[in-house]
Protein backbone atom coordinates (compact mmCIF):
# COMPACT_ATOMS: atom_id res chain seq x y z
CA MET A 1 32.31 -57.64 -37.39
CA LYS A 2 30.89 -56.17 -34.20
CA GLU A 3 30.79 -52.41 -33.82
CA GLU A 4 32.11 -51.11 -30.52
CA GLY A 5 32.71 -47.72 -28.96
CA LEU A 6 29.32 -46.13 -29.48
CA ARG A 7 28.79 -43.20 -27.15
CA ARG A 8 25.78 -41.10 -26.22
CA SER A 9 24.50 -39.40 -23.06
CA GLY A 10 27.96 -39.82 -21.56
CA ILE A 11 27.71 -43.63 -21.31
CA GLU A 12 29.91 -45.73 -23.56
CA GLY A 13 27.94 -48.16 -25.68
CA GLY A 14 24.64 -46.55 -24.66
CA ASP A 15 23.66 -45.40 -28.13
CA VAL A 16 20.05 -44.32 -28.22
CA GLU A 17 19.39 -44.02 -31.94
CA GLU A 18 17.44 -41.14 -33.33
CA ASP A 19 15.38 -43.69 -35.29
CA ALA A 20 14.58 -46.21 -32.58
CA ASN A 21 11.26 -47.41 -34.01
CA LEU A 22 12.31 -51.04 -34.19
CA PRO A 23 9.71 -53.35 -35.76
CA VAL A 24 7.84 -55.32 -34.25
CA GLY A 25 4.50 -56.75 -33.26
CA VAL A 26 4.68 -58.12 -29.76
CA THR A 27 1.38 -58.38 -27.95
CA ARG A 28 0.58 -55.40 -25.76
CA GLY A 29 0.15 -57.55 -22.65
CA ARG A 30 3.60 -59.13 -22.89
CA LEU A 31 5.26 -55.81 -23.73
CA ARG A 32 3.66 -54.11 -20.73
CA ARG A 33 4.93 -56.85 -18.40
CA VAL A 34 8.44 -56.33 -19.74
CA PHE A 35 8.22 -52.57 -19.28
CA THR A 36 6.90 -52.83 -15.74
CA GLY A 37 10.13 -54.47 -14.64
CA LEU A 38 12.36 -52.22 -16.75
CA LEU A 39 10.81 -48.95 -15.65
CA LEU A 40 10.82 -49.97 -11.99
CA CYS A 41 14.50 -50.75 -12.44
CA LEU A 42 15.11 -47.36 -14.00
CA LEU A 43 13.21 -45.46 -11.35
CA SER A 44 14.89 -47.24 -8.48
CA ALA A 45 18.28 -46.24 -9.89
CA GLY A 46 17.65 -42.75 -8.56
CA GLY A 47 16.89 -43.92 -5.04
CA THR A 48 20.37 -44.64 -3.70
CA SER A 49 23.47 -42.50 -4.02
CA LEU A 50 26.63 -44.26 -5.14
CA ALA A 51 28.86 -41.41 -4.04
CA ALA A 52 31.61 -41.91 -1.50
CA ASP A 53 34.77 -40.09 -0.49
CA GLY A 54 37.37 -39.90 -3.19
CA GLU A 55 37.53 -39.34 -6.91
CA LEU A 56 36.33 -42.85 -7.81
CA GLY A 57 33.34 -42.58 -5.51
CA GLN A 58 32.32 -39.34 -7.21
CA LYS A 59 32.77 -41.07 -10.56
CA GLY A 60 30.13 -43.60 -9.50
CA GLU A 61 27.68 -40.86 -8.56
CA ASP A 62 28.29 -39.05 -11.86
CA LEU A 63 27.66 -42.27 -13.75
CA ARG A 64 24.39 -42.87 -11.89
CA GLN A 65 23.17 -39.36 -12.66
CA LYS A 66 24.00 -39.72 -16.37
CA TYR A 67 22.16 -43.03 -16.45
CA GLN A 68 19.12 -41.56 -14.72
CA SER A 69 19.11 -38.58 -17.09
CA ALA A 70 19.36 -40.79 -20.17
CA SER A 71 16.56 -43.00 -18.81
CA SER A 72 14.30 -40.00 -18.38
CA GLU A 73 15.06 -38.78 -21.91
CA ILE A 74 14.12 -42.16 -23.38
CA HIS A 75 10.87 -42.36 -21.45
CA ALA A 76 9.90 -38.76 -22.29
CA LYS A 77 10.55 -39.23 -26.01
CA PHE A 78 8.43 -42.35 -26.39
CA GLU A 79 5.74 -41.11 -24.00
CA LYS A 80 5.24 -38.09 -26.25
CA ASP A 81 4.93 -40.39 -29.28
CA ARG A 82 2.31 -42.46 -27.44
CA SER A 83 0.43 -39.33 -26.40
CA ASP A 84 0.40 -37.96 -29.96
CA LEU A 85 -0.83 -41.30 -31.32
CA GLY A 86 -3.53 -41.47 -28.64
CA GLY A 87 -4.75 -38.01 -29.64
CA LYS A 88 -5.07 -39.12 -33.26
CA PHE A 89 -6.95 -42.24 -32.15
CA VAL A 90 -9.44 -40.19 -30.12
CA GLY A 91 -9.85 -37.81 -33.05
CA ALA A 92 -10.64 -40.72 -35.38
CA LEU A 93 -13.24 -42.00 -32.93
CA GLN A 94 -14.87 -38.59 -32.68
CA LYS A 95 -15.02 -38.35 -36.46
CA LEU A 96 -16.64 -41.79 -36.64
CA GLU A 97 -19.18 -40.77 -33.99
CA ALA A 98 -20.16 -37.75 -36.08
CA GLU A 99 -20.58 -39.92 -39.18
CA LEU A 100 -22.73 -42.43 -37.30
CA GLN A 101 -24.82 -39.58 -35.92
CA GLN A 102 -25.46 -38.32 -39.47
CA LYS A 103 -26.53 -41.82 -40.50
CA GLY A 104 -28.78 -42.20 -37.46
CA GLU A 105 -26.98 -45.37 -36.30
CA LEU A 106 -27.41 -44.93 -32.55
CA ASP A 107 -26.30 -48.38 -31.37
CA ALA A 108 -23.00 -48.19 -33.24
CA LEU A 109 -22.47 -44.61 -32.05
CA ILE A 110 -22.90 -45.70 -28.42
CA GLU A 111 -20.27 -48.43 -28.86
CA VAL A 112 -17.78 -45.99 -30.37
CA ARG A 113 -18.42 -43.47 -27.60
CA ARG A 114 -17.91 -46.21 -25.02
CA GLU A 115 -14.56 -47.07 -26.65
CA ARG A 116 -13.46 -43.43 -26.58
CA GLU A 117 -14.39 -43.00 -22.92
CA LEU A 118 -12.66 -46.27 -21.98
CA PHE A 119 -9.46 -45.18 -23.74
CA ALA A 120 -9.56 -41.68 -22.22
CA GLY A 121 -10.04 -43.10 -18.73
CA SER A 122 -7.61 -46.03 -18.70
CA GLY A 123 -5.69 -46.09 -21.98
CA THR A 124 -7.07 -49.55 -22.75
CA LEU A 125 -9.07 -50.88 -25.68
CA SER A 126 -12.08 -53.14 -25.92
CA SER A 127 -12.67 -55.88 -28.48
CA ASP A 128 -16.28 -55.09 -29.38
CA GLY A 129 -17.93 -52.72 -31.79
CA PRO A 130 -18.84 -52.28 -35.46
CA PRO A 131 -16.35 -53.03 -38.27
CA GLU A 132 -15.46 -49.34 -38.66
CA LEU A 133 -14.37 -49.22 -35.00
CA ALA A 134 -12.39 -52.44 -35.34
CA ARG A 135 -10.41 -51.00 -38.26
CA ILE A 136 -9.55 -47.79 -36.38
CA ARG A 137 -8.49 -49.89 -33.40
CA THR A 138 -6.27 -52.05 -35.62
CA VAL A 139 -4.54 -49.00 -37.12
CA TYR A 140 -3.90 -47.66 -33.61
CA GLU A 141 -2.50 -50.96 -32.34
CA THR A 142 -0.29 -51.37 -35.41
CA SER A 143 1.06 -47.84 -35.01
CA ARG A 144 1.62 -48.34 -31.27
CA VAL A 145 3.82 -51.42 -31.64
CA PRO A 146 6.98 -49.71 -33.00
CA ILE A 147 6.74 -47.01 -30.31
CA ASP A 148 6.58 -49.51 -27.44
CA THR A 149 9.19 -51.78 -28.94
CA GLY A 150 11.50 -48.90 -29.75
CA GLU A 151 11.40 -47.82 -26.11
CA ARG A 152 12.08 -51.34 -24.94
CA ALA A 153 15.12 -51.66 -27.22
CA ALA A 154 16.50 -48.25 -26.18
CA VAL A 155 16.07 -49.04 -22.48
CA LEU A 156 17.82 -52.39 -22.81
CA ARG A 157 20.76 -50.86 -24.69
CA LEU A 158 21.15 -48.20 -22.02
CA MET A 159 20.98 -50.74 -19.16
CA GLU A 160 23.62 -52.93 -20.80
CA ALA A 161 25.93 -49.93 -21.30
CA TYR A 162 25.42 -48.81 -17.70
CA LEU A 163 26.22 -52.31 -16.44
CA ARG A 164 29.50 -52.39 -18.37
CA GLN A 165 30.53 -49.07 -16.83
CA LEU A 166 29.62 -50.29 -13.33
CA GLU A 167 31.69 -53.44 -13.75
CA ALA A 168 34.73 -51.44 -14.88
CA LEU A 169 34.35 -49.02 -11.97
CA GLN A 170 33.98 -51.88 -9.48
CA THR A 171 37.37 -53.21 -10.59
CA GLU A 172 38.96 -49.77 -10.23
CA LEU A 173 37.56 -49.32 -6.74
CA THR A 174 38.73 -52.73 -5.63
CA HIS A 175 42.29 -52.07 -6.87
CA ALA A 176 42.25 -48.71 -5.05
CA GLY A 177 41.19 -50.35 -1.78
CA GLU A 178 37.82 -48.55 -1.61
CA ILE A 179 36.02 -51.76 -0.69
CA GLU A 180 32.78 -50.39 0.74
CA THR A 181 32.14 -48.27 -2.34
CA ALA A 182 33.04 -51.22 -4.56
CA ILE A 183 30.43 -53.32 -2.74
CA ALA A 184 27.78 -50.64 -3.35
CA ILE A 185 28.69 -50.54 -7.04
CA LYS A 186 28.54 -54.34 -7.20
CA SER A 187 25.06 -54.32 -5.66
CA GLU A 188 23.88 -51.77 -8.22
CA GLY A 189 25.31 -53.85 -11.05
CA GLU A 190 23.57 -57.00 -9.82
CA ARG A 191 20.24 -55.17 -9.73
CA ILE A 192 20.68 -53.91 -13.29
CA GLN A 193 21.71 -57.38 -14.42
CA ARG A 194 18.51 -58.85 -12.96
CA GLY A 195 16.48 -56.29 -14.87
CA ILE A 196 18.23 -57.17 -18.12
CA GLU A 197 17.72 -60.91 -17.58
CA GLU A 198 14.01 -60.45 -16.88
CA ALA A 199 13.56 -58.63 -20.20
CA THR A 200 15.82 -60.82 -22.35
CA PRO A 201 15.10 -64.42 -23.45
CA PRO A 202 17.66 -67.08 -22.50
CA ALA A 203 20.51 -67.55 -24.96
CA SER A 204 19.35 -71.07 -25.80
CA ALA A 205 15.84 -69.94 -26.69
CA PRO A 206 14.89 -69.28 -30.31
CA GLY A 207 13.81 -65.75 -29.42
CA PRO A 208 10.56 -64.28 -28.14
CA ALA A 209 7.46 -66.43 -28.21
CA PRO A 210 5.58 -66.07 -31.49
CA ILE A 211 3.02 -63.31 -31.47
CA THR A 212 -0.61 -64.23 -31.15
CA THR A 213 -1.79 -62.38 -34.25
CA ASP A 214 -3.62 -64.73 -36.59
CA VAL A 215 -2.07 -65.30 -39.99
CA PRO A 216 -3.92 -66.26 -43.15
CA ALA A 217 -4.27 -69.85 -44.29
CA GLY A 218 -1.37 -70.88 -46.47
CA PHE A 219 1.29 -69.02 -44.48
CA ALA A 220 4.30 -71.21 -43.75
CA ALA A 221 5.06 -71.87 -40.08
CA ILE A 222 8.24 -70.25 -38.77
CA PRO A 223 10.82 -73.02 -38.22
CA SER A 224 11.87 -73.65 -34.64
CA MET A 225 15.57 -73.15 -33.93
CA THR A 226 17.14 -73.64 -30.50
CA HIS A 227 20.84 -73.45 -31.34
CA ALA A 228 23.15 -71.97 -28.71
CA PRO A 229 25.00 -68.81 -29.84
CA THR A 230 28.33 -69.38 -31.54
CA GLY A 231 31.50 -67.49 -30.70
CA ASP A 232 31.83 -63.81 -31.49
CA ASP A 233 34.56 -64.49 -34.03
CA ILE A 234 32.46 -66.51 -36.51
CA PHE A 235 30.85 -63.62 -38.37
CA PRO A 236 33.91 -62.46 -40.36
CA SER A 237 34.54 -66.03 -41.50
CA ASN A 238 33.08 -67.48 -44.68
CA HIS A 239 33.18 -71.04 -43.30
CA TRP A 240 30.23 -71.61 -41.01
CA PRO A 241 28.90 -74.93 -39.67
CA ALA A 242 25.50 -76.30 -40.68
CA GLN A 243 23.66 -74.65 -37.76
CA VAL A 244 24.53 -71.14 -36.56
CA ALA A 245 22.98 -68.82 -33.98
CA LEU A 246 24.81 -65.50 -33.94
CA PRO A 247 25.33 -63.86 -30.55
CA PRO A 248 23.49 -60.55 -30.02
CA GLY A 249 25.38 -57.57 -31.35
CA ASN A 250 25.84 -54.92 -34.00
CA TYR A 251 27.13 -56.36 -37.27
CA LYS A 252 28.55 -54.65 -40.33
CA ILE A 253 28.11 -56.00 -43.86
CA GLU A 254 31.11 -55.11 -46.02
CA ARG A 255 31.39 -55.65 -49.77
CA THR A 256 29.81 -59.00 -50.74
CA ARG A 257 29.39 -61.57 -47.98
CA GLN A 258 28.59 -65.14 -49.05
CA ILE A 259 28.18 -67.86 -46.47
CA GLY A 260 29.65 -71.29 -47.20
CA GLU A 261 27.75 -74.20 -48.73
CA GLN A 262 27.54 -76.07 -45.42
CA LEU A 263 25.16 -73.65 -43.70
CA ARG A 264 21.58 -74.95 -43.38
CA GLU A 265 20.06 -73.03 -40.45
CA LEU A 266 20.81 -69.46 -39.35
CA LEU A 267 19.24 -67.79 -36.31
CA LEU A 268 19.60 -64.03 -35.86
CA PRO A 269 19.07 -62.89 -32.24
CA PRO A 270 16.61 -60.27 -30.94
CA GLY A 271 18.04 -56.80 -30.50
CA SER A 272 20.78 -57.23 -33.08
CA ALA A 273 21.47 -54.81 -35.92
CA PHE A 274 22.89 -55.56 -39.36
CA ARG A 275 24.12 -52.53 -41.29
CA GLY A 276 25.75 -52.04 -44.66
CA ALA A 277 29.19 -50.42 -44.74
CA ASP A 278 28.35 -48.67 -48.04
CA ASP A 279 25.88 -48.82 -50.92
CA ARG A 280 27.67 -51.85 -52.43
CA ALA A 281 27.22 -54.08 -49.38
CA ARG A 282 25.54 -57.42 -50.17
CA TRP A 283 24.88 -60.50 -48.03
CA LEU A 284 24.08 -63.72 -49.88
CA ILE A 285 22.55 -66.63 -47.97
CA GLY A 286 23.64 -69.91 -49.58
CA LYS A 287 21.57 -72.50 -51.43
CA GLY A 288 18.98 -74.38 -49.36
CA ALA A 289 19.55 -72.45 -46.12
CA VAL A 290 16.79 -71.34 -43.71
CA LEU A 291 17.10 -67.99 -41.89
CA VAL A 292 14.95 -66.96 -38.91
CA ALA A 293 15.12 -63.46 -37.39
CA ARG A 294 13.02 -61.86 -34.65
CA GLU A 295 13.24 -58.28 -33.38
CA ALA A 296 16.33 -57.54 -35.49
CA LYS A 297 17.18 -54.44 -37.50
CA PHE A 298 18.47 -54.38 -41.09
CA ASP A 299 19.79 -51.15 -42.54
CA GLY A 300 21.36 -50.12 -45.83
CA PHE A 301 22.43 -53.21 -47.76
CA THR A 302 21.16 -55.90 -50.14
CA LEU A 303 20.11 -59.25 -48.64
CA LEU A 304 19.83 -62.13 -51.09
CA GLY A 305 18.85 -65.79 -50.93
CA ASP A 306 20.08 -68.43 -53.37
CA LEU A 307 17.96 -71.30 -54.70
CA SER A 308 15.60 -72.97 -52.18
CA THR A 309 16.34 -70.50 -49.39
CA ARG A 310 13.56 -69.66 -46.94
CA LEU A 311 13.86 -66.49 -44.88
CA PHE A 312 11.49 -65.65 -42.01
CA PHE A 313 11.32 -62.26 -40.30
CA GLU A 314 9.10 -61.49 -37.31
CA GLN A 315 8.90 -58.09 -35.63
CA CYS A 316 11.91 -56.83 -37.60
CA GLU A 317 12.75 -53.44 -39.08
CA PHE A 318 14.09 -52.84 -42.59
CA LYS A 319 15.42 -49.45 -43.64
CA ASP A 320 16.77 -48.75 -47.14
CA MET A 321 17.14 -52.47 -47.82
CA ASN A 322 16.68 -54.56 -50.95
CA VAL A 323 15.89 -58.27 -50.79
CA GLY A 324 15.52 -60.94 -53.43
CA LYS A 325 17.02 -63.88 -55.33
CA GLY A 326 20.79 -64.09 -55.65
CA GLY A 327 23.43 -66.67 -56.46
CA GLY A 328 23.99 -68.90 -59.46
CA TRP A 329 21.47 -71.69 -58.88
CA PHE A 330 18.06 -71.62 -60.63
CA GLY A 331 15.06 -73.93 -60.95
CA GLY A 332 11.38 -74.25 -60.05
CA ARG A 333 8.96 -71.63 -58.79
CA PHE A 334 9.59 -69.12 -56.00
CA MET A 335 13.29 -69.94 -55.88
CA SER A 336 13.83 -67.78 -52.78
CA ARG A 337 10.94 -67.49 -50.33
CA TRP A 338 10.54 -64.55 -47.94
CA GLN A 339 8.05 -64.20 -45.08
CA PHE A 340 7.49 -61.00 -43.09
CA ARG A 341 5.26 -60.86 -39.98
CA ASP A 342 4.67 -57.65 -38.05
CA CYS A 343 7.65 -55.93 -39.66
CA ARG A 344 8.35 -52.31 -40.58
CA ILE A 345 9.81 -51.67 -44.02
CA ALA A 346 10.86 -48.21 -45.19
CA GLY A 347 12.72 -46.63 -48.09
CA SER A 348 13.06 -49.61 -50.43
CA PHE A 349 12.21 -53.30 -50.66
CA ILE A 350 13.12 -55.08 -53.90
CA GLU A 351 14.91 -53.86 -57.02
CA LYS A 352 13.75 -56.56 -59.43
CA TRP A 353 10.70 -58.79 -58.95
CA ASN A 354 10.57 -61.92 -61.10
CA SER A 355 7.56 -64.20 -60.75
CA LYS A 356 9.71 -67.34 -60.44
CA HIS A 357 12.65 -65.94 -58.48
CA PHE A 358 10.85 -64.27 -55.57
CA GLY A 359 8.15 -65.69 -53.29
CA LEU A 360 6.52 -63.38 -50.74
CA GLN A 361 4.29 -63.81 -47.70
CA MET A 362 3.57 -60.64 -45.69
CA VAL A 363 1.05 -60.01 -42.92
CA ASN A 364 0.45 -57.24 -40.36
CA CYS A 365 3.35 -55.14 -41.62
CA HIS A 366 3.89 -51.41 -42.11
CA VAL A 367 5.48 -50.40 -45.43
CA GLU A 368 6.49 -46.79 -46.07
CA ARG A 369 8.07 -44.84 -48.94
CA VAL A 370 8.63 -47.87 -51.16
CA GLU A 371 8.37 -47.63 -54.94
CA PHE A 372 7.61 -51.17 -56.03
CA PRO A 373 8.85 -52.44 -59.41
CA SER A 374 6.40 -54.21 -61.71
CA ILE A 375 6.45 -57.98 -61.47
CA GLU A 376 8.20 -59.57 -64.45
CA TYR A 377 6.25 -62.73 -65.33
CA GLU A 378 8.03 -65.69 -66.87
CA LYS A 379 6.48 -66.84 -70.18
CA ASP A 380 4.62 -69.77 -68.57
CA ASP A 381 3.37 -67.69 -65.61
CA GLU A 382 -0.09 -66.10 -65.79
CA PRO A 383 -0.88 -63.16 -63.44
CA SER A 384 -4.13 -64.45 -61.91
CA GLU A 385 -2.63 -67.90 -61.35
CA VAL A 386 0.47 -66.41 -59.70
CA ALA A 387 -1.72 -64.20 -57.49
CA GLY A 388 -3.48 -67.33 -56.19
CA GLN A 389 -0.28 -68.97 -54.90
CA ASP A 390 0.55 -69.18 -51.19
CA TRP A 391 3.96 -67.58 -51.79
CA ALA A 392 2.42 -64.55 -53.52
CA MET A 393 0.30 -63.22 -50.67
CA VAL A 394 0.20 -59.91 -48.76
CA ARG A 395 -2.56 -59.43 -46.20
CA ASN A 396 -3.61 -56.90 -43.55
CA THR A 397 -0.63 -54.62 -44.19
CA HIS A 398 -0.52 -50.81 -44.10
CA PHE A 399 1.18 -48.95 -46.96
CA ARG A 400 2.09 -45.27 -46.67
CA LYS A 401 3.51 -43.05 -49.41
CA CYS A 402 4.21 -46.03 -51.67
CA VAL A 403 4.01 -46.44 -55.46
CA ILE A 404 2.23 -49.65 -56.41
CA PRO A 405 1.80 -51.04 -59.95
CA VAL A 406 -1.13 -53.26 -60.92
CA SER A 407 0.96 -56.45 -60.91
CA VAL A 408 1.95 -55.94 -57.26
CA LEU A 409 -1.55 -54.78 -56.34
CA SER A 410 -2.90 -58.15 -57.49
CA LEU A 411 -1.13 -59.80 -54.52
CA LEU A 412 -2.48 -57.39 -51.88
CA ASP A 413 -5.80 -57.96 -50.13
CA ASP A 414 -7.50 -56.40 -47.11
CA CYS A 415 -4.68 -53.87 -46.86
CA THR A 416 -4.78 -50.16 -46.01
CA PHE A 417 -3.16 -47.41 -48.08
CA GLU A 418 -2.33 -43.86 -47.05
CA GLU A 419 -1.01 -41.25 -49.50
CA CYS A 420 -0.10 -43.98 -52.00
CA ARG A 421 -0.09 -43.85 -55.80
CA PHE A 422 -1.36 -46.70 -57.96
CA ILE A 423 0.04 -47.00 -61.49
CA ASP A 424 -0.15 -49.16 -64.60
CA ASP A 425 2.52 -51.70 -65.46
CA PRO A 426 4.77 -50.86 -68.45
CA VAL A 427 3.09 -53.69 -70.36
CA PRO A 428 -0.67 -54.16 -69.72
CA LEU A 429 -1.50 -57.45 -68.01
CA VAL A 430 -4.07 -60.03 -69.08
CA PHE A 431 -5.74 -62.03 -66.31
CA ALA A 432 -7.09 -65.42 -67.42
CA SER A 433 -9.42 -65.79 -64.44
CA LYS A 434 -11.20 -63.42 -62.08
CA ILE A 435 -9.58 -62.24 -58.86
CA THR A 436 -10.98 -59.68 -56.43
CA ARG A 437 -9.02 -57.47 -54.03
CA THR A 438 -10.36 -55.16 -51.31
CA LEU A 439 -8.45 -51.95 -50.60
CA HIS A 440 -8.96 -49.36 -47.85
CA LEU A 441 -7.71 -45.97 -49.04
CA ALA A 442 -6.96 -42.54 -47.59
CA ASP A 443 -5.59 -39.61 -49.66
CA CYS A 444 -4.37 -41.88 -52.48
CA ARG A 445 -3.88 -41.21 -56.21
CA TRP A 446 -5.43 -43.66 -58.67
CA ASP A 447 -3.36 -43.24 -61.83
CA ILE A 448 -4.39 -46.56 -63.35
CA LYS A 449 -6.02 -45.96 -66.70
CA ALA A 450 -7.89 -49.27 -66.78
CA LEU A 451 -7.63 -52.45 -64.75
CA PRO A 452 -7.38 -55.79 -66.58
CA ALA A 453 -10.84 -57.16 -67.37
CA GLU A 454 -10.75 -59.99 -64.82
CA PHE A 455 -9.09 -57.98 -62.04
CA VAL A 456 -11.78 -56.53 -59.75
CA VAL A 457 -10.79 -53.99 -57.09
CA GLU A 458 -13.18 -52.94 -54.33
CA ARG A 459 -12.05 -49.52 -53.10
CA LYS A 460 -13.25 -48.40 -49.68
CA GLU A 461 -12.46 -45.37 -47.54
CA MET A 462 -9.95 -46.15 -44.82
CA ARG A 463 -11.26 -45.35 -41.37
């Protein structure tokens, strides 16, 4: 059911969450175009007074001032985050310059210095340089995405809340006969509405255009869904049609939710949030269904897929979630298949990982404070063979403060690790054929006593 009545900064519904780092991986060019329009809209809000004679006229001016104040708070918060991140980026470049100087690599040093000066002068990045520079640039860009996207989400929420208040005030003014002030309020509302429409995809669209980041070979394409949003009242029901697109909103998962057998395609809209009512909240997606979510937030419940489900998440945020196989149907390999692109995952991820029940594809994600369970292999599954499957693949993802057993490590390649701990599985694994994984490490603990004979790990310092 939708959650209403959120209040912050004096504007009903204008909740600016303390943890607004929504996932997400939009390209910097597209995000900047969105923010140009939004920030111009915000700034222009302070240019015209809405005050007029009378109590209602003053109410309009008070509302405008609260909106402008909340807008400034949002911008200041995320601008500080960007500034702090930029300082770390410059520091990493300076450190790399010093290392290249010690090695006598002048050409590479010049390219790194050029990158630092370009960033200091314009805040932009180049695409050239040695591999060490490319990796630092990638870490910066990955870390920048949730800051920019969090600001965008907070600004949109505030604009929508402001618009609702303007519409209510316009009605009051009209009833009171204060027509000129009502017209001014109407004009302000129309301007805010235009800003929202410019930054929000049409309702009939499947969400934002896919990001341009390359994905590894073998990754499944995200299914295209163009269903129009259903009515607001469908979510509490257990009887959904075959194709459903939920309208944008804040949804609460209570107890165990299981969608009916008829559902085949489910589209979750950008900007929506799905939260668990308590630690027993579970949402089970029925057998054979396909779920697609972009720029959505999932917080504090267990999300499960029954046999032959496929679930795709792009630019989403997961906080204290568990995902995996659920339901009573079983058969085949990778019975529920989960793909994550440019997502942020924190706190937890999966309680039980069975080699046949759970299929995973993950790329360009950020995973933090997750203690992974060891993979439980079925008797006819062999670790090196499983690690070579398309639905057992994690690439170019950053892990921070995670605990990773050998079985999970065998699926991860070309990933970065910060303050992580690597451990043995409870039962030592035997790999029938050789696999090689490359890791980029910073301040990690290697508590693995001995890797399996055919499992080769190339450990490199993360730059």
